[in-house]
Amino acid sequence: HAKYAGGMFTGAKWYFTDVFGVKTEFQFDWG
């Protein structure tokens, strides 16, 4: 079955070049 999913998220990306980077992200669920 399916359930609603939603919430807030925050994070950061660190770019080594103008194309490539690494990222981390945290999500806060209110589903």
PDB file of all heavy atoms in Angstrom:
ATOM      1  N   HIS A   1       0.836  -1.191   0.000  1.00  0.00           N
ATOM      2  CA  HIS A   1       0.000   0.000   0.000  1.00  0.00           C
ATOM      3  C   HIS A   1       0.875   1.247   0.000  1.00  0.00           C
ATOM      4  O   HIS A   1       2.096   1.176   0.087  1.00  0.00           O
ATOM      5  CB  HIS A   1      -0.929   0.003   1.218  1.00  0.00           C
ATOM      6  CG  HIS A   1      -0.202   0.060   2.529  1.00  0.00           C
ATOM      7  ND1 HIS A   1       0.110  -1.057   3.259  1.00  0.00           N
ATOM      8  CD2 HIS A   1       0.302   1.105   3.237  1.00  0.00           C
ATOM      9  CE1 HIS A   1       0.765  -0.704   4.353  1.00  0.00           C
ATOM     10  NE2 HIS A   1       0.905   0.605   4.366  1.00  0.00           N
ATOM     11  N   ALA A   2       0.226   2.402  -0.108  1.00  0.00           N
ATOM     12  CA  ALA A   2       0.945   3.680  -0.160  1.00  0.00           C
ATOM     13  C   ALA A   2       0.514   4.560   1.015  1.00  0.00           C
ATOM     14  O   ALA A   2      -0.625   4.506   1.467  1.00  0.00           O
ATOM     15  CB  ALA A   2       0.650   4.390  -1.471  1.00  0.00           C
ATOM     16  N   LYS A   3       1.471   5.381   1.493  1.00  0.00           N
ATOM     17  CA  LYS A   3       1.207   6.324   2.560  1.00  0.00           C
ATOM     18  C   LYS A   3       1.816   7.675   2.199  1.00  0.00           C
ATOM     19  O   LYS A   3       2.812   7.756   1.479  1.00  0.00           O
ATOM     20  CB  LYS A   3       1.817   5.839   3.879  1.00  0.00           C
ATOM     21  CG  LYS A   3       1.100   4.652   4.509  1.00  0.00           C
ATOM     22  CD  LYS A   3      -0.224   5.085   5.108  1.00  0.00           C
ATOM     23  CE  LYS A   3      -0.895   3.926   5.819  1.00  0.00           C
ATOM     24  NZ  LYS A   3      -2.184   4.325   6.436  1.00  0.00           N
ATOM     25  N   TYR A   4       1.223   8.738   2.717  1.00  0.00           N
ATOM     26  CA  TYR A   4       1.783  10.071   2.509  1.00  0.00           C
ATOM     27  C   TYR A   4       3.171  10.165   3.127  1.00  0.00           C
ATOM     28  O   TYR A   4       3.436   9.626   4.202  1.00  0.00           O
ATOM     29  CB  TYR A   4       0.875  11.132   3.131  1.00  0.00           C
ATOM     30  CG  TYR A   4       1.512  12.510   3.165  1.00  0.00           C
ATOM     31  CD1 TYR A   4       1.593  13.282   2.012  1.00  0.00           C
ATOM     32  CD2 TYR A   4       2.067  13.015   4.345  1.00  0.00           C
ATOM     33  CE1 TYR A   4       2.196  14.535   2.030  1.00  0.00           C
ATOM     34  CE2 TYR A   4       2.665  14.263   4.378  1.00  0.00           C
ATOM     35  CZ  TYR A   4       2.727  15.010   3.218  1.00  0.00           C
ATOM     36  OH  TYR A   4       3.333  16.245   3.234  1.00  0.00           O
ATOM     37  N   ALA A   5       4.077  10.845   2.444  1.00  0.00           N
ATOM     38  CA  ALA A   5       5.420  11.100   2.971  1.00  0.00           C
ATOM     39  C   ALA A   5       5.725  12.581   2.800  1.00  0.00           C
ATOM     40  O   ALA A   5       5.479  13.153   1.739  1.00  0.00           O
ATOM     41  CB  ALA A   5       6.462  10.260   2.234  1.00  0.00           C
ATOM     42  N   GLY A   6       6.260  13.194   3.838  1.00  0.00           N
ATOM     43  CA  GLY A   6       6.589  14.607   3.732  1.00  0.00           C
ATOM     44  C   GLY A   6       7.306  15.098   4.966  1.00  0.00           C
ATOM     45  O   GLY A   6       7.351  14.421   5.988  1.00  0.00           O
ATOM     46  N   GLY A   7       7.890  16.281   4.844  1.00  0.00           N
ATOM     47  CA  GLY A   7       8.582  16.846   5.985  1.00  0.00           C
ATOM     48  C   GLY A   7       9.509  17.978   5.582  1.00  0.00           C
ATOM     49  O   GLY A   7       9.313  18.635   4.553  1.00  0.00           O
ATOM     50  N   MET A   8      10.526  18.188   6.397  1.00  0.00           N
ATOM     51  CA  MET A   8      11.539  19.215   6.144  1.00  0.00           C
ATOM     52  C   MET A   8      12.893  18.543   5.971  1.00  0.00           C
ATOM     53  O   MET A   8      13.097  17.429   6.439  1.00  0.00           O
ATOM     54  CB  MET A   8      11.600  20.194   7.318  1.00  0.00           C
ATOM     55  CG  MET A   8      10.319  20.942   7.582  1.00  0.00           C
ATOM     56  SD  MET A   8      10.486  22.020   9.037  1.00  0.00           S
ATOM     57  CE  MET A   8      11.767  23.145   8.485  1.00  0.00           C
ATOM     58  N   PHE A   9      13.807  19.234   5.294  1.00  0.00           N
ATOM     59  CA  PHE A   9      15.157  18.715   5.163  1.00  0.00           C
ATOM     60  C   PHE A   9      16.146  19.873   5.195  1.00  0.00           C
ATOM     61  O   PHE A   9      15.816  21.013   4.857  1.00  0.00           O
ATOM     62  CB  PHE A   9      15.331  17.892   3.882  1.00  0.00           C
ATOM     63  CG  PHE A   9      15.120  18.662   2.615  1.00  0.00           C
ATOM     64  CD1 PHE A   9      16.197  19.238   1.930  1.00  0.00           C
ATOM     65  CD2 PHE A   9      13.850  18.822   2.075  1.00  0.00           C
ATOM     66  CE1 PHE A   9      16.006  19.952   0.764  1.00  0.00           C
ATOM     67  CE2 PHE A   9      13.648  19.534   0.903  1.00  0.00           C
ATOM     68  CZ  PHE A   9      14.734  20.097   0.239  1.00  0.00           C
ATOM     69  N   THR A  10      17.336  19.571   5.628  1.00  0.00           N
ATOM     70  CA  THR A  10      18.410  20.553   5.648  1.00  0.00           C
ATOM     71  C   THR A  10      19.725  19.833   5.393  1.00  0.00           C
ATOM     72  O   THR A  10      19.841  18.637   5.642  1.00  0.00           O
ATOM     73  CB  THR A  10      18.449  21.299   6.999  1.00  0.00           C
ATOM     74  OG1 THR A  10      19.412  22.361   6.936  1.00  0.00           O
ATOM     75  CG2 THR A  10      18.837  20.367   8.130  1.00  0.00           C
ATOM     76  N   GLY A  11      20.702  20.563   4.882  1.00  0.00           N
ATOM     77  CA  GLY A  11      21.973  19.924   4.585  1.00  0.00           C
ATOM     78  C   GLY A  11      22.970  20.901   4.010  1.00  0.00           C
ATOM     79  O   GLY A  11      22.771  22.117   4.031  1.00  0.00           O
ATOM     80  N   ALA A  12      24.045  20.344   3.480  1.00  0.00           N
ATOM     81  CA  ALA A  12      25.104  21.171   2.918  1.00  0.00           C
ATOM     82  C   ALA A  12      25.839  20.404   1.822  1.00  0.00           C
ATOM     83  O   ALA A  12      25.942  19.173   1.872  1.00  0.00           O
ATOM     84  CB  ALA A  12      26.080  21.602   3.999  1.00  0.00           C
ATOM     85  N   LYS A  13      26.332  21.160   0.832  1.00  0.00           N
ATOM     86  CA  LYS A  13      27.156  20.601  -0.236  1.00  0.00           C
ATOM     87  C   LYS A  13      28.497  21.348  -0.244  1.00  0.00           C
ATOM     88  O   LYS A  13      28.517  22.575  -0.147  1.00  0.00           O
ATOM     89  CB  LYS A  13      26.485  20.784  -1.598  1.00  0.00           C
ATOM     90  CG  LYS A  13      25.096  20.177  -1.712  1.00  0.00           C
ATOM     91  CD  LYS A  13      24.507  20.469  -3.083  1.00  0.00           C
ATOM     92  CE  LYS A  13      23.086  19.965  -3.207  1.00  0.00           C
ATOM     93  NZ  LYS A  13      22.511  20.262  -4.549  1.00  0.00           N
ATOM     94  N   TRP A  14      29.568  20.595  -0.360  1.00  0.00           N
ATOM     95  CA  TRP A  14      30.890  21.195  -0.475  1.00  0.00           C
ATOM     96  C   TRP A  14      31.420  20.877  -1.868  1.00  0.00           C
ATOM     97  O   TRP A  14      31.607  19.721  -2.220  1.00  0.00           O
ATOM     98  CB  TRP A  14      31.847  20.658   0.581  1.00  0.00           C
ATOM     99  CG  TRP A  14      33.229  21.238   0.439  1.00  0.00           C
ATOM    100  CD1 TRP A  14      34.254  20.733  -0.294  1.00  0.00           C
ATOM    101  CD2 TRP A  14      33.705  22.461   1.011  1.00  0.00           C
ATOM    102  NE1 TRP A  14      35.361  21.545  -0.217  1.00  0.00           N
ATOM    103  CE2 TRP A  14      35.048  22.615   0.584  1.00  0.00           C
ATOM    104  CE3 TRP A  14      33.149  23.427   1.848  1.00  0.00           C
ATOM    105  CZ2 TRP A  14      35.831  23.701   0.963  1.00  0.00           C
ATOM    106  CZ3 TRP A  14      33.929  24.499   2.221  1.00  0.00           C
ATOM    107  CH2 TRP A  14      35.254  24.631   1.787  1.00  0.00           C
ATOM    108  N   TYR A  15      31.644  21.929  -2.672  1.00  0.00           N
ATOM    109  CA  TYR A  15      32.079  21.734  -4.047  1.00  0.00           C
ATOM    110  C   TYR A  15      33.600  21.804  -4.152  1.00  0.00           C
ATOM    111  O   TYR A  15      34.228  22.772  -3.731  1.00  0.00           O
ATOM    112  CB  TYR A  15      31.446  22.787  -4.952  1.00  0.00           C
ATOM    113  CG  TYR A  15      29.994  22.511  -5.256  1.00  0.00           C
ATOM    114  CD1 TYR A  15      28.974  23.181  -4.582  1.00  0.00           C
ATOM    115  CD2 TYR A  15      29.647  21.573  -6.221  1.00  0.00           C
ATOM    116  CE1 TYR A  15      27.647  22.921  -4.859  1.00  0.00           C
ATOM    117  CE2 TYR A  15      28.314  21.303  -6.509  1.00  0.00           C
ATOM    118  CZ  TYR A  15      27.329  21.977  -5.822  1.00  0.00           C
ATOM    119  OH  TYR A  15      26.017  21.713  -6.095  1.00  0.00           O
ATOM    120  N   PHE A  16      34.185  20.759  -4.728  1.00  0.00           N
ATOM    121  CA  PHE A  16      35.621  20.734  -5.005  1.00  0.00           C
ATOM    122  C   PHE A  16      35.925  21.414  -6.341  1.00  0.00           C
ATOM    123  O   PHE A  16      37.000  21.977  -6.533  1.00  0.00           O
ATOM    124  CB  PHE A  16      36.135  19.297  -5.032  1.00  0.00           C
ATOM    125  CG  PHE A  16      36.049  18.616  -3.693  1.00  0.00           C
ATOM    126  CD1 PHE A  16      34.960  17.823  -3.369  1.00  0.00           C
ATOM    127  CD2 PHE A  16      37.050  18.784  -2.751  1.00  0.00           C
ATOM    128  CE1 PHE A  16      34.881  17.206  -2.135  1.00  0.00           C
ATOM    129  CE2 PHE A  16      36.983  18.169  -1.514  1.00  0.00           C
ATOM    130  CZ  PHE A  16      35.890  17.375  -1.199  1.00  0.00           C
ATOM    131  N   THR A  17      34.984  21.313  -7.282  1.00  0.00           N
ATOM    132  CA  THR A  17      35.095  21.991  -8.569  1.00  0.00           C
ATOM    133  C   THR A  17      33.749  22.645  -8.850  1.00  0.00           C
ATOM    134  O   THR A  17      32.813  22.537  -8.053  1.00  0.00           O
ATOM    135  CB  THR A  17      35.445  21.004  -9.700  1.00  0.00           C
ATOM    136  OG1 THR A  17      34.269  20.219 -10.019  1.00  0.00           O
ATOM    137  CG2 THR A  17      36.567  20.063  -9.292  1.00  0.00           C
ATOM    138  N   ASP A  18      33.612  23.313  -9.990  1.00  0.00           N
ATOM    139  CA  ASP A  18      32.324  23.915 -10.308  1.00  0.00           C
ATOM    140  C   ASP A  18      31.290  22.871 -10.723  1.00  0.00           C
ATOM    141  O   ASP A  18      30.127  23.202 -10.944  1.00  0.00           O
ATOM    142  CB  ASP A  18      32.488  24.982 -11.401  1.00  0.00           C
ATOM    143  CG  ASP A  18      33.106  24.422 -12.671  1.00  0.00           C
ATOM    144  OD1 ASP A  18      33.542  23.248 -12.653  1.00  0.00           O
ATOM    145  OD2 ASP A  18      33.157  25.152 -13.670  1.00  0.00           O
ATOM    146  N   VAL A  19      31.697  21.601 -10.810  1.00  0.00           N
ATOM    147  CA  VAL A  19      30.786  20.524 -11.183  1.00  0.00           C
ATOM    148  C   VAL A  19      30.589  19.514 -10.060  1.00  0.00           C
ATOM    149  O   VAL A  19      29.465  19.108  -9.775  1.00  0.00           O
ATOM    150  CB  VAL A  19      31.292  19.783 -12.454  1.00  0.00           C
ATOM    151  CG1 VAL A  19      30.412  18.576 -12.760  1.00  0.00           C
ATOM    152  CG2 VAL A  19      31.336  20.734 -13.633  1.00  0.00           C
ATOM    153  N   PHE A  20      31.664  19.105  -9.399  1.00  0.00           N
ATOM    154  CA  PHE A  20      31.605  17.986  -8.457  1.00  0.00           C
ATOM    155  C   PHE A  20      31.702  18.437  -7.005  1.00  0.00           C
ATOM    156  O   PHE A  20      32.484  19.337  -6.659  1.00  0.00           O
ATOM    157  CB  PHE A  20      32.747  17.005  -8.746  1.00  0.00           C
ATOM    158  CG  PHE A  20      32.855  15.903  -7.723  1.00  0.00           C
ATOM    159  CD1 PHE A  20      31.998  14.813  -7.770  1.00  0.00           C
ATOM    160  CD2 PHE A  20      33.794  15.977  -6.714  1.00  0.00           C
ATOM    161  CE1 PHE A  20      32.088  13.807  -6.821  1.00  0.00           C
ATOM    162  CE2 PHE A  20      33.890  14.968  -5.757  1.00  0.00           C
ATOM    163  CZ  PHE A  20      33.033  13.876  -5.818  1.00  0.00           C
ATOM    164  N   GLY A  21      30.904  17.769  -6.143  1.00  0.00           N
ATOM    165  CA  GLY A  21      30.971  18.034  -4.716  1.00  0.00           C
ATOM    166  C   GLY A  21      30.464  16.858  -3.910  1.00  0.00           C
ATOM    167  O   GLY A  21      29.968  15.863  -4.462  1.00  0.00           O
ATOM    168  N   VAL A  22      30.587  16.954  -2.598  1.00  0.00           N
ATOM    169  CA  VAL A  22      30.012  15.960  -1.693  1.00  0.00           C
ATOM    170  C   VAL A  22      28.901  16.642  -0.901  1.00  0.00           C
ATOM    171  O   VAL A  22      28.880  17.868  -0.772  1.00  0.00           O
ATOM    172  CB  VAL A  22      31.074  15.373  -0.740  1.00  0.00           C
ATOM    173  CG1 VAL A  22      32.096  14.566  -1.508  1.00  0.00           C
ATOM    174  CG2 VAL A  22      31.759  16.468   0.071  1.00  0.00           C
ATOM    175  N   LYS A  23      27.980  15.844  -0.383  1.00  0.00           N
ATOM    176  CA  LYS A  23      26.849  16.433   0.323  1.00  0.00           C
ATOM    177  C   LYS A  23      26.426  15.573   1.501  1.00  0.00           C
ATOM    178  O   LYS A  23      26.665  14.355   1.529  1.00  0.00           O
ATOM    179  CB  LYS A  23      25.668  16.621  -0.641  1.00  0.00           C
ATOM    180  CG  LYS A  23      25.093  15.315  -1.174  1.00  0.00           C
ATOM    181  CD  LYS A  23      24.019  15.537  -2.218  1.00  0.00           C
ATOM    182  CE  LYS A  23      22.779  16.175  -1.681  1.00  0.00           C
ATOM    183  NZ  LYS A  23      21.662  16.215  -2.642  1.00  0.00           N
ATOM    184  N   THR A  24      25.798  16.216   2.467  1.00  0.00           N
ATOM    185  CA  THR A  24      25.172  15.520   3.579  1.00  0.00           C
ATOM    186  C   THR A  24      23.799  16.141   3.803  1.00  0.00           C
ATOM    187  O   THR A  24      23.599  17.341   3.536  1.00  0.00           O
ATOM    188  CB  THR A  24      26.021  15.607   4.863  1.00  0.00           C
ATOM    189  OG1 THR A  24      25.396  14.836   5.901  1.00  0.00           O
ATOM    190  CG2 THR A  24      26.162  17.049   5.340  1.00  0.00           C
ATOM    191  N   GLU A  25      22.867  15.341   4.268  1.00  0.00           N
ATOM    192  CA  GLU A  25      21.489  15.824   4.382  1.00  0.00           C
ATOM    193  C   GLU A  25      20.783  15.140   5.541  1.00  0.00           C
ATOM    194  O   GLU A  25      21.020  13.969   5.825  1.00  0.00           O
ATOM    195  CB  GLU A  25      20.747  15.541   3.066  1.00  0.00           C
ATOM    196  CG  GLU A  25      19.393  16.172   2.975  1.00  0.00           C
ATOM    197  CD  GLU A  25      18.803  16.052   1.572  1.00  0.00           C
ATOM    198  OE1 GLU A  25      19.467  16.489   0.605  1.00  0.00           O
ATOM    199  OE2 GLU A  25      17.683  15.519   1.452  1.00  0.00           O
ATOM    200  N   PHE A  26      19.909  15.909   6.208  1.00  0.00           N
ATOM    201  CA  PHE A  26      19.102  15.394   7.312  1.00  0.00           C
ATOM    202  C   PHE A  26      17.633  15.708   7.021  1.00  0.00           C
ATOM    203  O   PHE A  26      17.314  16.817   6.592  1.00  0.00           O
ATOM    204  CB  PHE A  26      19.522  16.034   8.637  1.00  0.00           C
ATOM    205  CG  PHE A  26      20.976  15.812   8.968  1.00  0.00           C
ATOM    206  CD1 PHE A  26      21.928  16.748   8.569  1.00  0.00           C
ATOM    207  CD2 PHE A  26      21.383  14.680   9.649  1.00  0.00           C
ATOM    208  CE1 PHE A  26      23.273  16.557   8.859  1.00  0.00           C
ATOM    209  CE2 PHE A  26      22.720  14.485   9.943  1.00  0.00           C
ATOM    210  CZ  PHE A  26      23.671  15.412   9.546  1.00  0.00           C
ATOM    211  N   GLN A  27      16.759  14.728   7.260  1.00  0.00           N
ATOM    212  CA  GLN A  27      15.346  14.909   6.969  1.00  0.00           C
ATOM    213  C   GLN A  27      14.513  14.719   8.232  1.00  0.00           C
ATOM    214  O   GLN A  27      14.828  13.875   9.080  1.00  0.00           O
ATOM    215  CB  GLN A  27      14.901  13.923   5.890  1.00  0.00           C
ATOM    216  CG  GLN A  27      15.709  14.076   4.604  1.00  0.00           C
ATOM    217  CD  GLN A  27      15.032  13.449   3.410  1.00  0.00           C
ATOM    218  OE1 GLN A  27      13.854  13.695   3.149  1.00  0.00           O
ATOM    219  NE2 GLN A  27      15.771  12.658   2.664  1.00  0.00           N
ATOM    220  N   PHE A  28      13.460  15.524   8.336  1.00  0.00           N
ATOM    221  CA  PHE A  28      12.582  15.498   9.497  1.00  0.00           C
ATOM    222  C   PHE A  28      11.177  15.127   9.024  1.00  0.00           C
ATOM    223  O   PHE A  28      10.536  15.875   8.285  1.00  0.00           O
ATOM    224  CB  PHE A  28      12.585  16.864  10.190  1.00  0.00           C
ATOM    225  CG  PHE A  28      13.980  17.353  10.500  1.00  0.00           C
ATOM    226  CD1 PHE A  28      14.646  18.200   9.615  1.00  0.00           C
ATOM    227  CD2 PHE A  28      14.640  16.941  11.651  1.00  0.00           C
ATOM    228  CE1 PHE A  28      15.936  18.643   9.880  1.00  0.00           C
ATOM    229  CE2 PHE A  28      15.923  17.378  11.928  1.00  0.00           C
ATOM    230  CZ  PHE A  28      16.576  18.229  11.046  1.00  0.00           C
ATOM    231  N   ASP A  29      10.722  13.965   9.447  1.00  0.00           N
ATOM    232  CA  ASP A  29       9.507  13.350   8.915  1.00  0.00           C
ATOM    233  C   ASP A  29       8.265  13.855   9.638  1.00  0.00           C
ATOM    234  O   ASP A  29       8.219  13.876  10.867  1.00  0.00           O
ATOM    235  CB  ASP A  29       9.636  11.834   9.088  1.00  0.00           C
ATOM    236  CG  ASP A  29       8.616  11.067   8.287  1.00  0.00           C
ATOM    237  OD1 ASP A  29       7.651  11.667   7.802  1.00  0.00           O
ATOM    238  OD2 ASP A  29       8.791   9.845   8.147  1.00  0.00           O
ATOM    239  N   TRP A  30       7.230  14.255   8.870  1.00  0.00           N
ATOM    240  CA  TRP A  30       5.940  14.521   9.504  1.00  0.00           C
ATOM    241  C   TRP A  30       4.834  13.704   8.822  1.00  0.00           C
ATOM    242  O   TRP A  30       3.672  14.055   8.819  1.00  0.00           O
ATOM    243  CB  TRP A  30       5.584  16.006   9.521  1.00  0.00           C
ATOM    244  CG  TRP A  30       5.505  16.722   8.204  1.00  0.00           C
ATOM    245  CD1 TRP A  30       4.917  16.280   7.055  1.00  0.00           C
ATOM    246  CD2 TRP A  30       5.985  18.049   7.915  1.00  0.00           C
ATOM    247  NE1 TRP A  30       4.999  17.228   6.073  1.00  0.00           N
ATOM    248  CE2 TRP A  30       5.646  18.324   6.572  1.00  0.00           C
ATOM    249  CE3 TRP A  30       6.640  19.015   8.656  1.00  0.00           C
ATOM    250  CZ2 TRP A  30       5.969  19.531   5.951  1.00  0.00           C
ATOM    251  CZ3 TRP A  30       6.954  20.211   8.048  1.00  0.00           C
ATOM    252  CH2 TRP A  30       6.627  20.464   6.717  1.00  0.00           C
ATOM    253  N   GLY A  31       5.241  12.580   8.273  1.00  0.00           N
ATOM    254  CA  GLY A  31       4.278  11.680   7.646  1.00  0.00           C
ATOM    255  C   GLY A  31       3.580  10.787   8.660  1.00  0.00           C
ATOM    256  O   GLY A  31       3.534  11.090   9.852  1.00  0.00           O
TER     257      GLY A  31
END
